[in-house]
Structures are given as C-alpha cells and as structure tokens.
Amino acid sequence: MNGTAVHEPPALPTSWRVALPHTTAAVPVARALVRTALAEREHSADCDTAELLTAELVANAVEHTSGATPIELVLRLLPTGFQVEVHDADPEPPHDLTRPNVDLPDPWQEHGRGLLLIRSLSSSCGHRPTESGKAVWFRLPGQRRPV
C-alpha cells in the first residue's frame, strides 16, 4: 500500500430499531433507550419530554393491541430534531391523534391523556400503515451538537 494509512472511527448510529416485548415491561426499557440515545449523541432535544411521549406510545401499543408480536421502537436523530416511532401489529390507526379533541379528558379517569400529551408536547405527530400493522410517531425539535 502506498501512502499513509488513515483510520477513521466508525460512524455512530443516527437511528436505532429495537424489538420490545409486548408487555408493560417494555415501557421503562423504551424510556431508557431514548435517554441513552440522546445522551450518547449529545442531542439537544428535550430528553424528559422524549421519554414521556415514548412511554405513552409504547404503553398505548401494549394496551390497545393484542397478541405476543413484539413492539418495535425506532429512534432517529434528525438534523433538526428527534423522531420516535412505535410499530405494532394492529393496522387500526389511533383515534384522534392528529386532530384536536373537542372534549377534554375526564380528570377523574385514569386513561385518555396520552394522545393529548403527544399532540400538545411534540412538534409534529402522526401515524402510517406498515406492512405488518402501523407506526405511530412524534418529533421533537433539537439538533445534534458537534462532538
């Protein structure tokens, strides 16, 4: 070989795809994965909000879908933000995710605030069909800090 050999470190990932169990145990695992992804890449997205909204998406997927098919968590560091997708096997889209609900949730009920939180705290959110069901997603503003 002629010339100087150059060794470049491998590029750090900018996206992760992780299968999670179809149980409530997936929620704290998903939160930890989000925190780790944002910390490792020194991303400026609000970590607490990212964890909260991820927990809501994963909990909804566990509660509102049936079967033992794993839930898939997809994290993406974008130039202008951070995106989380949760994939499940149910093709039915979540109700009222992308349109404001005229009725506020009953404050005495345990359920009914998750999608409201996602709509209110994310910069954008939505859902799309996949080959095996659907993906529900949200984005938060932010950017990767130079390392």
C-alpha atoms as a PDB file:
ATOM      1  CA  MET A   1       0.000   0.000   0.000  1.00  0.00           C
ATOM      2  CA  ASN A   2       1.429   3.380  -0.953  1.00  0.00           C
ATOM      3  CA  GLY A   3       0.924   6.448   1.224  1.00  0.00           C
ATOM      4  CA  THR A   4      -0.228   6.867   4.774  1.00  0.00           C
ATOM      5  CA  ALA A   5      -2.967   4.667   6.118  1.00  0.00           C
ATOM      6  CA  VAL A   6      -5.846   6.650   7.571  1.00  0.00           C
ATOM      7  CA  HIS A   7      -8.035   5.154  10.226  1.00  0.00           C
ATOM      8  CA  GLU A   8     -11.411   6.758  10.709  1.00  0.00           C
ATOM      9  CA  PRO A   9     -13.546   5.660  13.639  1.00  0.00           C
ATOM     10  CA  PRO A  10     -16.843   4.066  12.657  1.00  0.00           C
ATOM     11  CA  ALA A  11     -19.733   6.486  12.420  1.00  0.00           C
ATOM     12  CA  LEU A  12     -22.049   6.495  15.406  1.00  0.00           C
ATOM     13  CA  PRO A  13     -25.586   5.428  14.601  1.00  0.00           C
ATOM     14  CA  THR A  14     -28.170   8.069  13.893  1.00  0.00           C
ATOM     15  CA  SER A  15     -31.056   5.625  14.145  1.00  0.00           C
ATOM     16  CA  TRP A  16     -31.897   2.606  16.240  1.00  0.00           C
ATOM     17  CA  ARG A  17     -34.501  -0.135  15.775  1.00  0.00           C
ATOM     18  CA  VAL A  18     -35.260  -2.307  18.799  1.00  0.00           C
ATOM     19  CA  ALA A  19     -37.831  -5.056  19.325  1.00  0.00           C
ATOM     20  CA  LEU A  20     -39.579  -4.768  22.686  1.00  0.00           C
ATOM     21  CA  PRO A  21     -41.746  -7.360  24.433  1.00  0.00           C
ATOM     22  CA  HIS A  22     -45.492  -6.927  24.166  1.00  0.00           C
ATOM     23  CA  THR A  23     -45.743  -6.292  27.914  1.00  0.00           C
ATOM     24  CA  THR A  24     -45.718  -3.298  30.236  1.00  0.00           C
ATOM     25  CA  ALA A  25     -42.047  -4.097  30.922  1.00  0.00           C
ATOM     26  CA  ALA A  26     -41.345  -2.507  27.532  1.00  0.00           C
ATOM     27  CA  VAL A  27     -42.173   0.991  28.839  1.00  0.00           C
ATOM     28  CA  PRO A  28     -39.162   1.548  31.147  1.00  0.00           C
ATOM     29  CA  VAL A  29     -36.871  -0.123  28.611  1.00  0.00           C
ATOM     30  CA  ALA A  30     -38.063   2.276  25.886  1.00  0.00           C
ATOM     31  CA  ARG A  31     -37.560   5.280  28.187  1.00  0.00           C
ATOM     32  CA  ALA A  32     -34.005   4.179  28.974  1.00  0.00           C
ATOM     33  CA  LEU A  33     -33.221   3.676  25.280  1.00  0.00           C
ATOM     34  CA  VAL A  34     -34.403   7.204  24.450  1.00  0.00           C
ATOM     35  CA  ARG A  35     -32.365   8.745  27.265  1.00  0.00           C
ATOM     36  CA  THR A  36     -29.264   6.804  26.201  1.00  0.00           C
ATOM     37  CA  ALA A  37     -29.651   7.692  22.512  1.00  0.00           C
ATOM     38  CA  LEU A  38     -29.983  11.400  23.243  1.00  0.00           C
ATOM     39  CA  ALA A  39     -27.129  11.435  25.772  1.00  0.00           C
ATOM     40  CA  GLU A  40     -24.690   9.427  23.640  1.00  0.00           C
ATOM     41  CA  ARG A  41     -25.093  11.730  20.677  1.00  0.00           C
ATOM     42  CA  GLU A  42     -25.348  14.888  22.775  1.00  0.00           C
ATOM     43  CA  HIS A  43     -28.639  15.802  21.157  1.00  0.00           C
ATOM     44  CA  SER A  44     -30.442  18.961  22.249  1.00  0.00           C
ATOM     45  CA  ALA A  45     -33.976  17.518  22.132  1.00  0.00           C
ATOM     46  CA  ASP A  46     -35.762  17.678  25.488  1.00  0.00           C
ATOM     47  CA  CYS A  47     -34.962  14.297  26.993  1.00  0.00           C
ATOM     48  CA  ASP A  48     -37.715  14.364  29.634  1.00  0.00           C
ATOM     49  CA  THR A  49     -40.380  15.103  27.038  1.00  0.00           C
ATOM     50  CA  ALA A  50     -38.952  12.469  24.681  1.00  0.00           C
ATOM     51  CA  GLU A  51     -39.096   9.869  27.452  1.00  0.00           C
ATOM     52  CA  LEU A  52     -42.641  10.804  28.477  1.00  0.00           C
ATOM     53  CA  LEU A  53     -44.035  10.702  24.939  1.00  0.00           C
ATOM     54  CA  THR A  54     -42.199   7.468  24.140  1.00  0.00           C
ATOM     55  CA  ALA A  55     -43.665   5.890  27.269  1.00  0.00           C
ATOM     56  CA  GLU A  56     -47.146   6.968  26.131  1.00  0.00           C
ATOM     57  CA  LEU A  57     -46.703   5.451  22.654  1.00  0.00           C
ATOM     58  CA  VAL A  58     -45.314   2.166  23.974  1.00  0.00           C
ATOM     59  CA  ALA A  59     -47.971   1.880  26.702  1.00  0.00           C
ATOM     60  CA  ASN A  60     -50.701   2.524  24.098  1.00  0.00           C
ATOM     61  CA  ALA A  61     -49.261  -0.146  21.803  1.00  0.00           C
ATOM     62  CA  VAL A  62     -49.207  -2.673  24.657  1.00  0.00           C
ATOM     63  CA  GLU A  63     -52.672  -1.792  25.919  1.00  0.00           C
ATOM     64  CA  HIS A  64     -54.532  -1.408  22.625  1.00  0.00           C
ATOM     65  CA  THR A  65     -53.055  -4.252  20.579  1.00  0.00           C
ATOM     66  CA  SER A  66     -53.317  -7.959  21.188  1.00  0.00           C
ATOM     67  CA  GLY A  67     -51.005 -10.864  20.728  1.00  0.00           C
ATOM     68  CA  ALA A  68     -47.435 -11.669  21.514  1.00  0.00           C
ATOM     69  CA  THR A  69     -45.931  -9.933  18.489  1.00  0.00           C
ATOM     70  CA  PRO A  70     -43.113  -7.679  19.678  1.00  0.00           C
ATOM     71  CA  ILE A  71     -43.478  -3.928  19.536  1.00  0.00           C
ATOM     72  CA  GLU A  72     -40.752  -2.178  17.613  1.00  0.00           C
ATOM     73  CA  LEU A  73     -39.176   1.082  18.767  1.00  0.00           C
ATOM     74  CA  VAL A  74     -37.435   3.200  16.128  1.00  0.00           C
ATOM     75  CA  LEU A  75     -35.397   6.232  17.192  1.00  0.00           C
ATOM     76  CA  ARG A  76     -33.996   8.712  14.669  1.00  0.00           C
ATOM     77  CA  LEU A  77     -31.668  11.637  15.267  1.00  0.00           C
ATOM     78  CA  LEU A  78     -32.527  14.180  12.592  1.00  0.00           C
ATOM     79  CA  PRO A  79     -30.603  17.337  11.649  1.00  0.00           C
ATOM     80  CA  THR A  80     -33.397  19.470  13.111  1.00  0.00           C
ATOM     81  CA  GLY A  81     -34.943  17.149  15.666  1.00  0.00           C
ATOM     82  CA  PHE A  82     -35.549  13.732  17.131  1.00  0.00           C
ATOM     83  CA  GLN A  83     -38.197  11.240  15.962  1.00  0.00           C
ATOM     84  CA  VAL A  84     -39.646   8.250  17.757  1.00  0.00           C
ATOM     85  CA  GLU A  85     -41.795   5.620  16.061  1.00  0.00           C
ATOM     86  CA  VAL A  86     -43.567   2.719  17.717  1.00  0.00           C
ATOM     87  CA  HIS A  87     -44.595  -0.115  15.407  1.00  0.00           C
ATOM     88  CA  ASP A  88     -47.271  -2.650  16.310  1.00  0.00           C
ATOM     89  CA  ALA A  89     -49.232  -5.344  14.504  1.00  0.00           C
ATOM     90  CA  ASP A  90     -52.642  -3.624  14.629  1.00  0.00           C
ATOM     91  CA  PRO A  91     -53.437  -1.747  11.399  1.00  0.00           C
ATOM     92  CA  GLU A  92     -56.141   0.362  13.114  1.00  0.00           C
ATOM     93  CA  PRO A  93     -54.904   3.974  13.470  1.00  0.00           C
ATOM     94  CA  PRO A  94     -55.029   5.636  16.886  1.00  0.00           C
ATOM     95  CA  HIS A  95     -58.158   7.694  17.392  1.00  0.00           C
ATOM     96  CA  ASP A  96     -57.802  11.483  17.496  1.00  0.00           C
ATOM     97  CA  LEU A  97     -54.006  11.571  17.293  1.00  0.00           C
ATOM     98  CA  THR A  98     -53.762  14.188  14.576  1.00  0.00           C
ATOM     99  CA  ARG A  99     -56.940  16.157  15.138  1.00  0.00           C
ATOM    100  CA  PRO A 100     -57.731  18.081  18.269  1.00  0.00           C
ATOM    101  CA  ASN A 101     -60.275  16.508  20.522  1.00  0.00           C
ATOM    102  CA  VAL A 102     -63.022  18.969  21.408  1.00  0.00           C
ATOM    103  CA  ASP A 103     -63.721  17.129  24.673  1.00  0.00           C
ATOM    104  CA  LEU A 104     -61.028  17.291  27.330  1.00  0.00           C
ATOM    105  CA  PRO A 105     -60.351  14.036  29.181  1.00  0.00           C
ATOM    106  CA  ASP A 106     -62.284  13.469  32.385  1.00  0.00           C
ATOM    107  CA  PRO A 107     -59.873  14.458  35.197  1.00  0.00           C
ATOM    108  CA  TRP A 108     -61.163  11.591  37.341  1.00  0.00           C
ATOM    109  CA  GLN A 109     -60.426   8.916  34.762  1.00  0.00           C
ATOM    110  CA  GLU A 110     -57.103   7.081  34.641  1.00  0.00           C
ATOM    111  CA  HIS A 111     -56.944   6.991  30.836  1.00  0.00           C
ATOM    112  CA  GLY A 112     -57.417   9.405  27.966  1.00  0.00           C
ATOM    113  CA  ARG A 113     -54.499  11.833  28.248  1.00  0.00           C
ATOM    114  CA  GLY A 114     -51.739  10.073  26.287  1.00  0.00           C
ATOM    115  CA  LEU A 115     -52.645  11.286  22.807  1.00  0.00           C
ATOM    116  CA  LEU A 116     -53.405  14.750  24.181  1.00  0.00           C
ATOM    117  CA  LEU A 117     -49.864  14.874  25.623  1.00  0.00           C
ATOM    118  CA  ILE A 118     -48.357  13.716  22.335  1.00  0.00           C
ATOM    119  CA  ARG A 119     -50.310  16.316  20.323  1.00  0.00           C
ATOM    120  CA  SER A 120     -49.519  19.089  22.811  1.00  0.00           C
ATOM    121  CA  LEU A 121     -45.837  18.479  23.522  1.00  0.00           C
ATOM    122  CA  SER A 122     -44.460  17.273  20.177  1.00  0.00           C
ATOM    123  CA  SER A 123     -43.595  19.492  17.218  1.00  0.00           C
ATOM    124  CA  SER A 124     -45.497  17.034  14.999  1.00  0.00           C
ATOM    125  CA  CYS A 125     -47.039  13.579  15.264  1.00  0.00           C
ATOM    126  CA  GLY A 126     -48.904  11.080  13.165  1.00  0.00           C
ATOM    127  CA  HIS A 127     -49.309   7.503  12.087  1.00  0.00           C
ATOM    128  CA  ARG A 128     -48.781   5.492   8.937  1.00  0.00           C
ATOM    129  CA  PRO A 129     -49.573   1.979   7.789  1.00  0.00           C
ATOM    130  CA  THR A 130     -46.739  -0.544   7.629  1.00  0.00           C
ATOM    131  CA  GLU A 131     -46.505  -3.993   6.045  1.00  0.00           C
ATOM    132  CA  SER A 132     -47.233  -5.602   9.400  1.00  0.00           C
ATOM    133  CA  GLY A 133     -49.594  -3.062  11.034  1.00  0.00           C
ATOM    134  CA  LYS A 134     -48.896   0.600  11.787  1.00  0.00           C
ATOM    135  CA  ALA A 135     -46.297   3.035  13.059  1.00  0.00           C
ATOM    136  CA  VAL A 136     -47.241   5.880  15.390  1.00  0.00           C
ATOM    137  CA  TRP A 137     -44.679   8.659  15.647  1.00  0.00           C
ATOM    138  CA  PHE A 138     -43.777  12.030  17.089  1.00  0.00           C
ATOM    139  CA  ARG A 139     -40.994  14.561  16.556  1.00  0.00           C
ATOM    140  CA  LEU A 140     -39.308  16.970  18.926  1.00  0.00           C
ATOM    141  CA  PRO A 141     -37.185  19.940  17.867  1.00  0.00           C
ATOM    142  CA  GLY A 142     -33.477  19.917  18.558  1.00  0.00           C
ATOM    143  CA  GLN A 143     -30.199  19.167  16.859  1.00  0.00           C
ATOM    144  CA  ARG A 144     -27.076  17.149  17.303  1.00  0.00           C
ATOM    145  CA  ARG A 145     -24.321  19.041  18.967  1.00  0.00           C
ATOM    146  CA  PRO A 146     -20.874  18.753  17.392  1.00  0.00           C
ATOM    147  CA  VAL A 147     -18.687  16.176  19.098  1.00  0.00           C
END
